[in-house]
Amino acid sequence: MEIVELSRTHNNANILSLGARFLTKKEAMEAVNMWLKTGFSGEERHARRIKKIDH
């Protein structure tokens, strides 16, 4: 689930939203585990974007 990883690595997201109608319980658990294990990349282009949102 690339989008789950990208939400953390590129956006440093602190909320994960999953559609119950679109995922099995197993897929949802895998997504949550992946999301929790993934950190922010810290790349400058992503940090700049987040800074714009924070201000």
PDB file of N, CA and C in Angstrom:
ATOM      1  N   MET A   1       0.828  -1.170   0.000  1.00  0.00           N
ATOM      2  CA  MET A   1       0.000   0.000   0.000  1.00  0.00           C
ATOM      3  C   MET A   1       0.877   1.240   0.000  1.00  0.00           C
ATOM      4  N   GLU A   2       1.258   1.611  -1.155  1.00  0.00           N
ATOM      5  CA  GLU A   2       2.182   2.727  -1.319  1.00  0.00           C
ATOM      6  C   GLU A   2       1.645   4.027  -0.715  1.00  0.00           C
ATOM      7  N   ILE A   3       0.359   4.287  -0.871  1.00  0.00           N
ATOM      8  CA  ILE A   3      -0.217   5.540  -0.374  1.00  0.00           C
ATOM      9  C   ILE A   3      -0.085   5.656   1.143  1.00  0.00           C
ATOM     10  N   VAL A   4      -0.139   4.533   1.846  1.00  0.00           N
ATOM     11  CA  VAL A   4       0.017   4.547   3.305  1.00  0.00           C
ATOM     12  C   VAL A   4       1.428   4.999   3.669  1.00  0.00           C
ATOM     13  N   GLU A   5       2.413   4.449   2.989  1.00  0.00           N
ATOM     14  CA  GLU A   5       3.798   4.838   3.246  1.00  0.00           C
ATOM     15  C   GLU A   5       4.046   6.293   2.865  1.00  0.00           C
ATOM     16  N   LEU A   6       3.521   6.702   1.720  1.00  0.00           N
ATOM     17  CA  LEU A   6       3.750   8.079   1.267  1.00  0.00           C
ATOM     18  C   LEU A   6       3.134   9.109   2.200  1.00  0.00           C
ATOM     19  N   SER A   7       2.026   8.768   2.824  1.00  0.00           N
ATOM     20  CA  SER A   7       1.410   9.721   3.749  1.00  0.00           C
ATOM     21  C   SER A   7       2.338  10.049   4.909  1.00  0.00           C
ATOM     22  N   ARG A   8       3.170   9.101   5.280  1.00  0.00           N
ATOM     23  CA  ARG A   8       4.132   9.331   6.363  1.00  0.00           C
ATOM     24  C   ARG A   8       5.452   9.903   5.835  1.00  0.00           C
ATOM     25  N   THR A   9       6.031   9.272   4.812  1.00  0.00           N
ATOM     26  CA  THR A   9       7.356   9.685   4.357  1.00  0.00           C
ATOM     27  C   THR A   9       7.341  11.077   3.726  1.00  0.00           C
ATOM     28  N   HIS A  10       6.268  11.427   3.015  1.00  0.00           N
ATOM     29  CA  HIS A  10       6.223  12.715   2.334  1.00  0.00           C
ATOM     30  C   HIS A  10       5.485  13.785   3.119  1.00  0.00           C
ATOM     31  N   ASN A  11       4.468  13.417   3.882  1.00  0.00           N
ATOM     32  CA  ASN A  11       3.609  14.415   4.534  1.00  0.00           C
ATOM     33  C   ASN A  11       3.702  14.407   6.054  1.00  0.00           C
ATOM     34  N   ASN A  12       4.415  13.435   6.613  1.00  0.00           N
ATOM     35  CA  ASN A  12       4.533  13.306   8.064  1.00  0.00           C
ATOM     36  C   ASN A  12       3.145  13.287   8.720  1.00  0.00           C
ATOM     37  N   ALA A  13       2.215  12.589   8.098  1.00  0.00           N
ATOM     38  CA  ALA A  13       0.834  12.531   8.578  1.00  0.00           C
ATOM     39  C   ALA A  13       0.756  11.940   9.979  1.00  0.00           C
ATOM     40  N   ASN A  14      -0.173  12.479  10.761  1.00  0.00           N
ATOM     41  CA  ASN A  14      -0.377  11.926  12.104  1.00  0.00           C
ATOM     42  C   ASN A  14      -1.763  11.304  12.243  1.00  0.00           C
ATOM     43  N   ILE A  15      -2.458  11.191  11.124  1.00  0.00           N
ATOM     44  CA  ILE A  15      -3.779  10.551  11.096  1.00  0.00           C
ATOM     45  C   ILE A  15      -3.834   9.615   9.892  1.00  0.00           C
ATOM     46  N   LEU A  16      -4.361   8.438  10.105  1.00  0.00           N
ATOM     47  CA  LEU A  16      -4.568   7.475   9.028  1.00  0.00           C
ATOM     48  C   LEU A  16      -6.051   7.173   8.949  1.00  0.00           C
ATOM     49  N   SER A  17      -6.612   7.312   7.784  1.00  0.00           N
ATOM     50  CA  SER A  17      -8.029   7.033   7.583  1.00  0.00           C
ATOM     51  C   SER A  17      -8.160   5.874   6.598  1.00  0.00           C
ATOM     52  N   LEU A  18      -8.935   4.872   6.981  1.00  0.00           N
ATOM     53  CA  LEU A  18      -9.115   3.689   6.137  1.00  0.00           C
ATOM     54  C   LEU A  18     -10.600   3.469   5.879  1.00  0.00           C
ATOM     55  N   GLY A  19     -10.929   3.145   4.671  1.00  0.00           N
ATOM     56  CA  GLY A  19     -12.317   2.875   4.317  1.00  0.00           C
ATOM     57  C   GLY A  19     -12.685   1.422   4.597  1.00  0.00           C
ATOM     58  N   ALA A  20     -13.574   1.207   5.542  1.00  0.00           N
ATOM     59  CA  ALA A  20     -13.962  -0.147   5.942  1.00  0.00           C
ATOM     60  C   ALA A  20     -14.587  -0.938   4.798  1.00  0.00           C
ATOM     61  N   ARG A  21     -15.255  -0.254   3.911  1.00  0.00           N
ATOM     62  CA  ARG A  21     -15.903  -0.953   2.792  1.00  0.00           C
ATOM     63  C   ARG A  21     -14.924  -1.396   1.716  1.00  0.00           C
ATOM     64  N   PHE A  22     -13.688  -0.901   1.788  1.00  0.00           N
ATOM     65  CA  PHE A  22     -12.727  -1.156   0.721  1.00  0.00           C
ATOM     66  C   PHE A  22     -11.570  -2.053   1.129  1.00  0.00           C
ATOM     67  N   LEU A  23     -11.474  -2.372   2.423  1.00  0.00           N
ATOM     68  CA  LEU A  23     -10.379  -3.196   2.916  1.00  0.00           C
ATOM     69  C   LEU A  23     -10.904  -4.322   3.789  1.00  0.00           C
ATOM     70  N   THR A  24     -10.230  -5.446   3.701  1.00  0.00           N
ATOM     71  CA  THR A  24     -10.532  -6.516   4.646  1.00  0.00           C
ATOM     72  C   THR A  24      -9.898  -6.156   5.984  1.00  0.00           C
ATOM     73  N   LYS A  25     -10.272  -6.860   7.021  1.00  0.00           N
ATOM     74  CA  LYS A  25      -9.677  -6.618   8.331  1.00  0.00           C
ATOM     75  C   LYS A  25      -8.169  -6.850   8.277  1.00  0.00           C
ATOM     76  N   LYS A  26      -7.751  -7.890   7.581  1.00  0.00           N
ATOM     77  CA  LYS A  26      -6.328  -8.195   7.457  1.00  0.00           C
ATOM     78  C   LYS A  26      -5.586  -7.068   6.741  1.00  0.00           C
ATOM     79  N   GLU A  27      -6.152  -6.569   5.650  1.00  0.00           N
ATOM     80  CA  GLU A  27      -5.527  -5.468   4.917  1.00  0.00           C
ATOM     81  C   GLU A  27      -5.442  -4.210   5.780  1.00  0.00           C
ATOM     82  N   ALA A  28      -6.495  -3.943   6.542  1.00  0.00           N
ATOM     83  CA  ALA A  28      -6.504  -2.769   7.417  1.00  0.00           C
ATOM     84  C   ALA A  28      -5.413  -2.889   8.480  1.00  0.00           C
ATOM     85  N   MET A  29      -5.275  -4.051   9.075  1.00  0.00           N
ATOM     86  CA  MET A  29      -4.248  -4.260  10.092  1.00  0.00           C
ATOM     87  C   MET A  29      -2.847  -4.116   9.491  1.00  0.00           C
ATOM     88  N   GLU A  30      -2.653  -4.619   8.292  1.00  0.00           N
ATOM     89  CA  GLU A  30      -1.364  -4.477   7.607  1.00  0.00           C
ATOM     90  C   GLU A  30      -1.071  -3.008   7.328  1.00  0.00           C
ATOM     91  N   ALA A  31      -2.088  -2.274   6.902  1.00  0.00           N
ATOM     92  CA  ALA A  31      -1.911  -0.853   6.611  1.00  0.00           C
ATOM     93  C   ALA A  31      -1.536  -0.088   7.875  1.00  0.00           C
ATOM     94  N   VAL A  32      -2.212  -0.363   8.971  1.00  0.00           N
ATOM     95  CA  VAL A  32      -1.913   0.312  10.238  1.00  0.00           C
ATOM     96  C   VAL A  32      -0.498  -0.011  10.692  1.00  0.00           C
ATOM     97  N   ASN A  33      -0.111  -1.261  10.635  1.00  0.00           N
ATOM     98  CA  ASN A  33       1.247  -1.647  11.040  1.00  0.00           C
ATOM     99  C   ASN A  33       2.300  -0.973  10.170  1.00  0.00           C
ATOM    100  N   MET A  34       2.071  -0.937   8.866  1.00  0.00           N
ATOM    101  CA  MET A  34       2.999  -0.294   7.940  1.00  0.00           C
ATOM    102  C   MET A  34       3.099   1.197   8.261  1.00  0.00           C
ATOM    103  N   TRP A  35       1.951   1.823   8.493  1.00  0.00           N
ATOM    104  CA  TRP A  35       1.906   3.255   8.764  1.00  0.00           C
ATOM    105  C   TRP A  35       2.655   3.597  10.055  1.00  0.00           C
ATOM    106  N   LEU A  36       2.467   2.798  11.071  1.00  0.00           N
ATOM    107  CA  LEU A  36       3.134   3.048  12.351  1.00  0.00           C
ATOM    108  C   LEU A  36       4.645   2.849  12.268  1.00  0.00           C
ATOM    109  N   LYS A  37       5.089   1.954  11.416  1.00  0.00           N
ATOM    110  CA  LYS A  37       6.515   1.659  11.280  1.00  0.00           C
ATOM    111  C   LYS A  37       7.240   2.630  10.347  1.00  0.00           C
ATOM    112  N   THR A  38       6.489   3.378   9.556  1.00  0.00           N
ATOM    113  CA  THR A  38       7.071   4.278   8.565  1.00  0.00           C
ATOM    114  C   THR A  38       7.288   5.655   9.167  1.00  0.00           C
ATOM    115  N   GLY A  39       8.451   6.220   8.945  1.00  0.00           N
ATOM    116  CA  GLY A  39       8.764   7.546   9.459  1.00  0.00           C
ATOM    117  C   GLY A  39       8.834   8.586   8.354  1.00  0.00           C
ATOM    118  N   PHE A  40       8.921   9.824   8.768  1.00  0.00           N
ATOM    119  CA  PHE A  40       9.056  10.952   7.849  1.00  0.00           C
ATOM    120  C   PHE A  40      10.447  10.930   7.221  1.00  0.00           C
ATOM    121  N   SER A  41      10.513  11.174   5.923  1.00  0.00           N
ATOM    122  CA  SER A  41      11.804  11.126   5.224  1.00  0.00           C
ATOM    123  C   SER A  41      12.694  12.304   5.590  1.00  0.00           C
ATOM    124  N   GLY A  42      12.090  13.439   5.934  1.00  0.00           N
ATOM    125  CA  GLY A  42      12.863  14.621   6.268  1.00  0.00           C
ATOM    126  C   GLY A  42      13.434  15.345   5.070  1.00  0.00           C
ATOM    127  N   GLU A  43      13.102  14.888   3.848  1.00  0.00           N
ATOM    128  CA  GLU A  43      13.605  15.559   2.649  1.00  0.00           C
ATOM    129  C   GLU A  43      13.149  17.016   2.643  1.00  0.00           C
ATOM    130  N   GLU A  44      14.048  17.888   2.198  1.00  0.00           N
ATOM    131  CA  GLU A  44      13.790  19.329   2.231  1.00  0.00           C
ATOM    132  C   GLU A  44      12.508  19.721   1.491  1.00  0.00           C
ATOM    133  N   ARG A  45      12.259  19.137   0.332  1.00  0.00           N
ATOM    134  CA  ARG A  45      11.062  19.517  -0.428  1.00  0.00           C
ATOM    135  C   ARG A  45       9.784  19.173   0.337  1.00  0.00           C
ATOM    136  N   HIS A  46       9.799  18.094   1.084  1.00  0.00           N
ATOM    137  CA  HIS A  46       8.633  17.721   1.877  1.00  0.00           C
ATOM    138  C   HIS A  46       8.526  18.607   3.122  1.00  0.00           C
ATOM    139  N   ALA A  47       9.659  18.873   3.742  1.00  0.00           N
ATOM    140  CA  ALA A  47       9.677  19.723   4.932  1.00  0.00           C
ATOM    141  C   ALA A  47       9.179  21.132   4.602  1.00  0.00           C
ATOM    142  N   ARG A  48       9.557  21.654   3.441  1.00  0.00           N
ATOM    143  CA  ARG A  48       9.073  22.990   3.018  1.00  0.00           C
ATOM    144  C   ARG A  48       7.561  23.006   2.883  1.00  0.00           C
ATOM    145  N   ARG A  49       7.009  21.975   2.276  1.00  0.00           N
ATOM    146  CA  ARG A  49       5.554  21.902   2.084  1.00  0.00           C
ATOM    147  C   ARG A  49       4.838  21.850   3.421  1.00  0.00           C
ATOM    148  N   ILE A  50       5.346  21.049   4.328  1.00  0.00           N
ATOM    149  CA  ILE A  50       4.732  20.931   5.659  1.00  0.00           C
ATOM    150  C   ILE A  50       4.825  22.268   6.398  1.00  0.00           C
ATOM    151  N   LYS A  51       5.933  22.946   6.251  1.00  0.00           N
ATOM    152  CA  LYS A  51       6.097  24.236   6.912  1.00  0.00           C
ATOM    153  C   LYS A  51       5.050  25.231   6.426  1.00  0.00           C
ATOM    154  N   LYS A  52       4.736  25.207   5.134  1.00  0.00           N
ATOM    155  CA  LYS A  52       3.697  26.094   4.587  1.00  0.00           C
ATOM    156  C   LYS A  52       2.341  25.802   5.223  1.00  0.00           C
ATOM    157  N   ILE A  53       2.050  24.546   5.433  1.00  0.00           N
ATOM    158  CA  ILE A  53       0.771  24.146   6.029  1.00  0.00           C
ATOM    159  C   ILE A  53       0.714  24.542   7.493  1.00  0.00           C
ATOM    160  N   ASP A  54       1.830  24.411   8.188  1.00  0.00           N
ATOM    161  CA  ASP A  54       1.877  24.698   9.627  1.00  0.00           C
ATOM    162  C   ASP A  54       1.713  26.176   9.943  1.00  0.00           C
ATOM    163  N   HIS A  55       1.991  27.046   8.982  1.00  0.00           N
ATOM    164  CA  HIS A  55       1.934  28.488   9.270  1.00  0.00           C
ATOM    165  C   HIS A  55       0.725  29.128   8.698  1.00  0.00           C
TER     166      HIS A  55
END
